[in-house]
Amino acid sequence: MRPTGPTGSVSSGIQALMRGLDTLRLLVESGRPMSPTELAEAVGVHQSSVSRILSTLATAGYVRKVAGRRFEPDFGVLTLASAVTAFPLVRKPRAAMAEAASMCPGCLISLSILWRGQILYFLRTVQGEETVDFWGTGFPLHQSAPGMRMLLELPEQDALEMLAMSRVRHGWPRGSDATPATEVEALERARALFDHDILIIDDWHEPDRFGAATLIDYPGDHPVALSLAGPREVATDDKVRLWLLQIRRAVEKSLQ
């Protein structure tokens, strides 16, 4: 058998797999049927390569062709969603997060990670509503308390690049006059508001609402943030900090 090294067919296979996953992710996130040309431009490869990827994904049942030579996700994608509950970050803190929701009425509580410049949310919960195990459709980093808190852990240039990527992906919505106008301003203001391991931002997403986040101790290559968001009238900054510290202790205990 011919040995395989770090280059050649193995490297080509990895690249093909990554392009296939990027294509599928973009198609799912778009929320609409897309043509091979549109996907090729978004992924950054030749249209013929994307056409081959789509053909393979269609054979496997992950995408299907619709009118106008466009493609949309097929039911095979749903089989991947079942993997979410296999993660300890989803299974173990569920009870602690539910209890936290009852302690903080009116607030949205969630765990999240920063993955390739995007925020992936886990166990988003509000008192009296069903917990959402996973939410990864994307959210502008500059309007996200957990996103900005996790960016503060990175070198400045890396953080600015991720904010620029978020601008390309989501635009730069400004929920109010308080929303930072640029990547540099967002990072500078987040640093100024960061205090005792907690970031609290007001009105960046929409008027009269706060977002607050801290990091939890969790092994792995990606930072994990615990966040609270809600109407400003429900709590002062001191109360928000107290809630976050109490919830963080409970969540970290559940993950041991």
Protein backbone atom coordinates (compact mmCIF):
# COMPACT_ATOMS: atom_id res chain seq x y z
CA MET A 1 0.00 0.00 0.00
CA ARG A 2 1.36 3.42 -0.91
CA PRO A 3 1.95 5.55 2.21
CA THR A 4 0.19 8.86 2.47
CA GLY A 5 1.88 11.93 3.84
CA PRO A 6 0.66 15.32 5.04
CA THR A 7 0.30 16.53 1.44
CA GLY A 8 -1.22 15.08 -1.72
CA SER A 9 -4.46 13.14 -1.62
CA VAL A 10 -4.92 13.44 2.15
CA SER A 11 -4.60 17.21 2.03
CA SER A 12 -6.88 17.41 -1.01
CA GLY A 13 -9.45 15.25 0.75
CA ILE A 14 -9.44 17.49 3.81
CA GLN A 15 -9.83 20.58 1.68
CA ALA A 16 -12.73 19.01 -0.22
CA LEU A 17 -14.43 18.07 3.05
CA MET A 18 -14.02 21.61 4.41
CA ARG A 19 -15.44 23.12 1.21
CA GLY A 20 -18.38 20.72 1.40
CA LEU A 21 -19.11 21.62 5.01
CA ASP A 22 -18.80 25.35 4.27
CA THR A 23 -21.20 25.00 1.34
CA LEU A 24 -23.77 23.12 3.41
CA ARG A 25 -23.50 25.58 6.31
CA LEU A 26 -23.94 28.59 4.03
CA LEU A 27 -26.96 27.02 2.37
CA VAL A 28 -28.59 26.30 5.74
CA GLU A 29 -27.83 29.77 7.11
CA SER A 30 -29.14 31.57 4.04
CA GLY A 31 -32.71 30.45 4.69
CA ARG A 32 -33.46 30.42 0.95
CA PRO A 33 -32.62 28.35 -2.13
CA MET A 34 -29.26 29.29 -3.68
CA SER A 35 -27.66 28.68 -7.05
CA PRO A 36 -24.22 27.08 -7.53
CA THR A 37 -22.96 30.48 -8.71
CA GLU A 38 -24.08 32.22 -5.51
CA LEU A 39 -22.58 29.52 -3.33
CA ALA A 40 -19.32 29.52 -5.29
CA GLU A 41 -18.94 33.25 -4.72
CA ALA A 42 -19.68 32.88 -1.02
CA VAL A 43 -17.33 29.91 -0.49
CA GLY A 44 -14.64 31.36 -2.74
CA VAL A 45 -14.16 28.42 -5.14
CA HIS A 46 -14.94 27.74 -8.79
CA GLN A 47 -18.57 27.04 -9.71
CA SER A 48 -17.67 23.60 -11.09
CA SER A 49 -16.30 22.60 -7.67
CA VAL A 50 -19.48 23.73 -5.92
CA SER A 51 -21.60 21.88 -8.48
CA ARG A 52 -19.73 18.65 -7.65
CA ILE A 53 -20.17 19.31 -3.93
CA LEU A 54 -23.90 19.88 -4.35
CA SER A 55 -24.25 16.72 -6.39
CA THR A 56 -22.56 14.71 -3.63
CA LEU A 57 -24.64 16.35 -0.89
CA ALA A 58 -27.82 15.68 -2.88
CA THR A 59 -26.90 12.01 -3.27
CA ALA A 60 -26.37 11.80 0.50
CA GLY A 61 -29.73 13.48 1.17
CA TYR A 62 -28.44 16.72 2.69
CA VAL A 63 -29.56 19.06 -0.12
CA ARG A 64 -32.08 18.91 -2.93
CA LYS A 65 -32.52 20.75 -6.21
CA VAL A 66 -35.53 23.02 -6.60
CA ALA A 67 -36.86 25.24 -9.38
CA GLY A 68 -34.43 27.45 -11.26
CA ARG A 69 -31.39 25.18 -10.74
CA ARG A 70 -31.20 26.24 -7.13
CA PHE A 71 -30.62 24.12 -4.05
CA GLU A 72 -32.02 24.04 -0.54
CA PRO A 73 -31.37 21.86 2.55
CA ASP A 74 -32.96 18.42 2.55
CA PHE A 75 -34.15 16.37 5.52
CA GLY A 76 -30.73 14.75 5.99
CA VAL A 77 -29.59 17.95 7.69
CA LEU A 78 -31.98 17.19 10.54
CA THR A 79 -30.01 14.06 11.43
CA LEU A 80 -27.05 16.29 12.26
CA ALA A 81 -29.17 18.35 14.66
CA SER A 82 -29.65 15.33 16.92
CA ALA A 83 -25.92 15.47 17.76
CA VAL A 84 -26.45 18.64 19.80
CA THR A 85 -27.66 16.82 22.91
CA ALA A 86 -24.51 14.69 22.90
CA PHE A 87 -22.45 17.67 24.08
CA PRO A 88 -21.96 17.96 27.86
CA LEU A 89 -22.42 21.73 27.49
CA VAL A 90 -26.03 21.00 26.51
CA ARG A 91 -26.81 18.03 28.76
CA LYS A 92 -25.26 18.80 32.08
CA PRO A 93 -26.22 22.43 32.88
CA ARG A 94 -29.87 22.11 31.84
CA ALA A 95 -31.28 22.01 35.39
CA ALA A 96 -28.99 24.81 36.55
CA MET A 97 -30.04 27.01 33.63
CA ALA A 98 -33.74 26.33 34.27
CA GLU A 99 -33.33 27.29 37.92
CA ALA A 100 -31.47 30.43 36.87
CA ALA A 101 -34.37 31.46 34.62
CA SER A 102 -36.73 31.34 37.60
CA MET A 103 -34.30 33.51 39.56
CA CYS A 104 -34.07 36.15 36.82
CA PRO A 105 -37.63 36.75 35.53
CA GLY A 106 -37.82 38.54 32.21
CA CYS A 107 -34.23 37.76 31.28
CA LEU A 108 -32.86 35.57 28.51
CA ILE A 109 -30.06 33.35 29.81
CA SER A 110 -27.73 31.44 27.54
CA LEU A 111 -24.39 29.74 27.13
CA SER A 112 -22.39 30.38 23.97
CA ILE A 113 -19.04 29.77 22.30
CA LEU A 114 -17.11 31.73 19.72
CA TRP A 115 -16.49 29.41 16.77
CA ARG A 116 -14.71 30.68 13.67
CA GLY A 117 -15.87 34.20 14.27
CA GLN A 118 -19.50 33.22 14.93
CA ILE A 119 -21.52 32.85 18.10
CA LEU A 120 -23.12 29.47 18.74
CA TYR A 121 -25.74 29.56 21.51
CA PHE A 122 -26.68 26.68 23.83
CA LEU A 123 -29.54 26.33 26.32
CA ARG A 124 -31.20 29.67 25.64
CA THR A 125 -33.86 29.88 28.32
CA VAL A 126 -36.48 32.30 29.65
CA GLN A 127 -38.78 31.70 32.59
CA GLY A 128 -42.04 30.11 31.44
CA GLU A 129 -40.78 29.22 27.95
CA GLU A 130 -39.29 26.08 26.45
CA THR A 131 -35.49 25.92 26.48
CA VAL A 132 -33.80 26.08 23.07
CA ASP A 133 -30.95 23.55 22.99
CA PHE A 134 -29.05 25.16 20.13
CA TRP A 135 -29.28 28.34 18.11
CA GLY A 136 -26.60 28.97 15.50
CA THR A 137 -28.23 31.04 12.79
CA GLY A 138 -25.85 33.90 13.48
CA PHE A 139 -25.94 37.22 15.30
CA PRO A 140 -23.91 40.42 14.82
CA LEU A 141 -20.92 40.29 17.13
CA HIS A 142 -20.96 44.03 17.85
CA GLN A 143 -24.47 43.79 19.36
CA SER A 144 -23.77 40.70 21.46
CA ALA A 145 -22.58 40.91 25.06
CA PRO A 146 -21.22 37.32 25.08
CA GLY A 147 -19.65 37.87 21.66
CA MET A 148 -17.86 41.03 22.76
CA ARG A 149 -16.86 39.44 26.07
CA MET A 150 -15.21 36.54 24.27
CA LEU A 151 -13.50 38.89 21.81
CA LEU A 152 -11.82 40.60 24.76
CA GLU A 153 -9.88 37.36 25.31
CA LEU A 154 -8.27 37.60 21.87
CA PRO A 155 -5.39 39.70 20.53
CA GLU A 156 -6.71 43.02 19.28
CA GLN A 157 -6.04 42.33 15.60
CA ASP A 158 -7.82 38.95 15.76
CA ALA A 159 -10.82 40.55 17.49
CA LEU A 160 -11.02 43.32 14.89
CA GLU A 161 -10.84 40.79 12.06
CA MET A 162 -13.73 38.82 13.56
CA LEU A 163 -15.80 41.99 13.89
CA ALA A 164 -15.04 42.77 10.24
CA MET A 165 -16.13 39.24 9.27
CA SER A 166 -19.35 39.77 11.23
CA ARG A 167 -19.97 43.01 9.31
CA VAL A 168 -19.67 41.12 6.02
CA ARG A 169 -21.94 38.31 7.21
CA HIS A 170 -24.64 40.29 9.06
CA GLY A 171 -24.16 43.91 8.15
CA TRP A 172 -23.74 46.46 10.94
CA PRO A 173 -27.22 47.10 12.39
CA ARG A 174 -27.47 49.90 14.92
CA GLY A 175 -30.29 49.31 17.37
CA SER A 176 -29.90 52.78 18.86
CA ASP A 177 -27.56 55.76 18.97
CA ALA A 178 -25.62 53.89 21.66
CA THR A 179 -24.58 51.11 19.25
CA PRO A 180 -20.88 51.43 18.30
CA ALA A 181 -20.42 52.57 14.71
CA THR A 182 -17.15 50.79 13.90
CA GLU A 183 -15.14 47.72 14.83
CA VAL A 184 -12.55 49.82 16.66
CA GLU A 185 -15.19 51.71 18.63
CA ALA A 186 -16.95 48.48 19.63
CA LEU A 187 -13.75 46.97 20.99
CA GLU A 188 -12.64 50.15 22.78
CA ARG A 189 -16.01 50.67 24.44
CA ALA A 190 -16.23 47.02 25.48
CA ARG A 191 -12.84 47.29 27.15
CA ALA A 192 -13.95 50.41 28.99
CA LEU A 193 -17.15 48.73 30.23
CA PHE A 194 -15.42 45.47 31.26
CA ASP A 195 -15.19 45.19 35.04
CA HIS A 196 -14.40 42.29 37.38
CA ASP A 197 -14.62 39.68 34.60
CA ILE A 198 -18.10 40.89 33.55
CA LEU A 199 -19.13 42.96 30.55
CA ILE A 200 -22.41 44.88 30.67
CA ILE A 201 -23.62 46.83 27.63
CA ASP A 202 -26.75 48.96 27.34
CA ASP A 203 -28.84 49.71 24.24
CA TRP A 204 -26.39 48.16 21.74
CA HIS A 205 -29.06 45.78 20.45
CA GLU A 206 -32.15 47.88 21.05
CA PRO A 207 -33.14 50.75 23.36
CA ASP A 208 -33.73 50.14 27.07
CA ARG A 209 -32.23 46.64 27.00
CA PHE A 210 -29.03 45.40 28.57
CA GLY A 211 -26.74 42.51 27.77
CA ALA A 212 -24.21 41.09 30.22
CA ALA A 213 -21.71 38.26 29.99
CA THR A 214 -18.91 36.50 31.81
CA LEU A 215 -16.78 33.46 30.99
CA ILE A 216 -17.18 30.07 32.61
CA ASP A 217 -14.42 27.57 33.32
CA TYR A 218 -14.80 24.89 30.65
CA PRO A 219 -12.08 22.79 28.97
CA GLY A 220 -11.52 23.13 25.26
CA ASP A 221 -10.18 25.41 22.57
CA HIS A 222 -13.15 27.78 22.50
CA PRO A 223 -14.16 30.25 25.23
CA VAL A 224 -17.59 29.68 26.75
CA ALA A 225 -19.69 32.64 27.88
CA LEU A 226 -22.66 32.82 30.21
CA SER A 227 -24.95 35.73 29.39
CA LEU A 228 -28.04 37.58 30.56
CA ALA A 229 -30.15 39.94 28.48
CA GLY A 230 -33.38 41.74 29.21
CA PRO A 231 -35.20 45.02 29.84
CA ARG A 232 -33.05 47.48 31.74
CA GLU A 233 -35.85 48.02 34.27
CA VAL A 234 -35.56 44.49 35.70
CA ALA A 235 -32.18 44.92 37.38
CA THR A 236 -29.37 47.31 38.24
CA ASP A 237 -25.78 46.57 37.17
CA ASP A 238 -24.98 45.33 40.68
CA LYS A 239 -27.95 42.93 40.57
CA VAL A 240 -26.94 41.68 37.12
CA ARG A 241 -23.39 41.00 38.33
CA LEU A 242 -24.71 39.11 41.36
CA TRP A 243 -27.00 37.00 39.21
CA LEU A 244 -24.19 36.15 36.77
CA LEU A 245 -21.82 35.11 39.54
CA GLN A 246 -24.48 32.90 41.16
CA ILE A 247 -25.44 31.28 37.87
CA ARG A 248 -21.79 30.79 36.89
CA ARG A 249 -21.09 28.86 40.11
CA ALA A 250 -24.11 26.62 39.52
CA VAL A 251 -23.26 25.96 35.86
CA GLU A 252 -19.59 25.23 36.55
CA LYS A 253 -20.60 22.83 39.34
CA SER A 254 -22.95 21.01 36.97
CA LEU A 255 -20.14 20.56 34.42
CA GLN A 256 -17.72 18.92 36.86
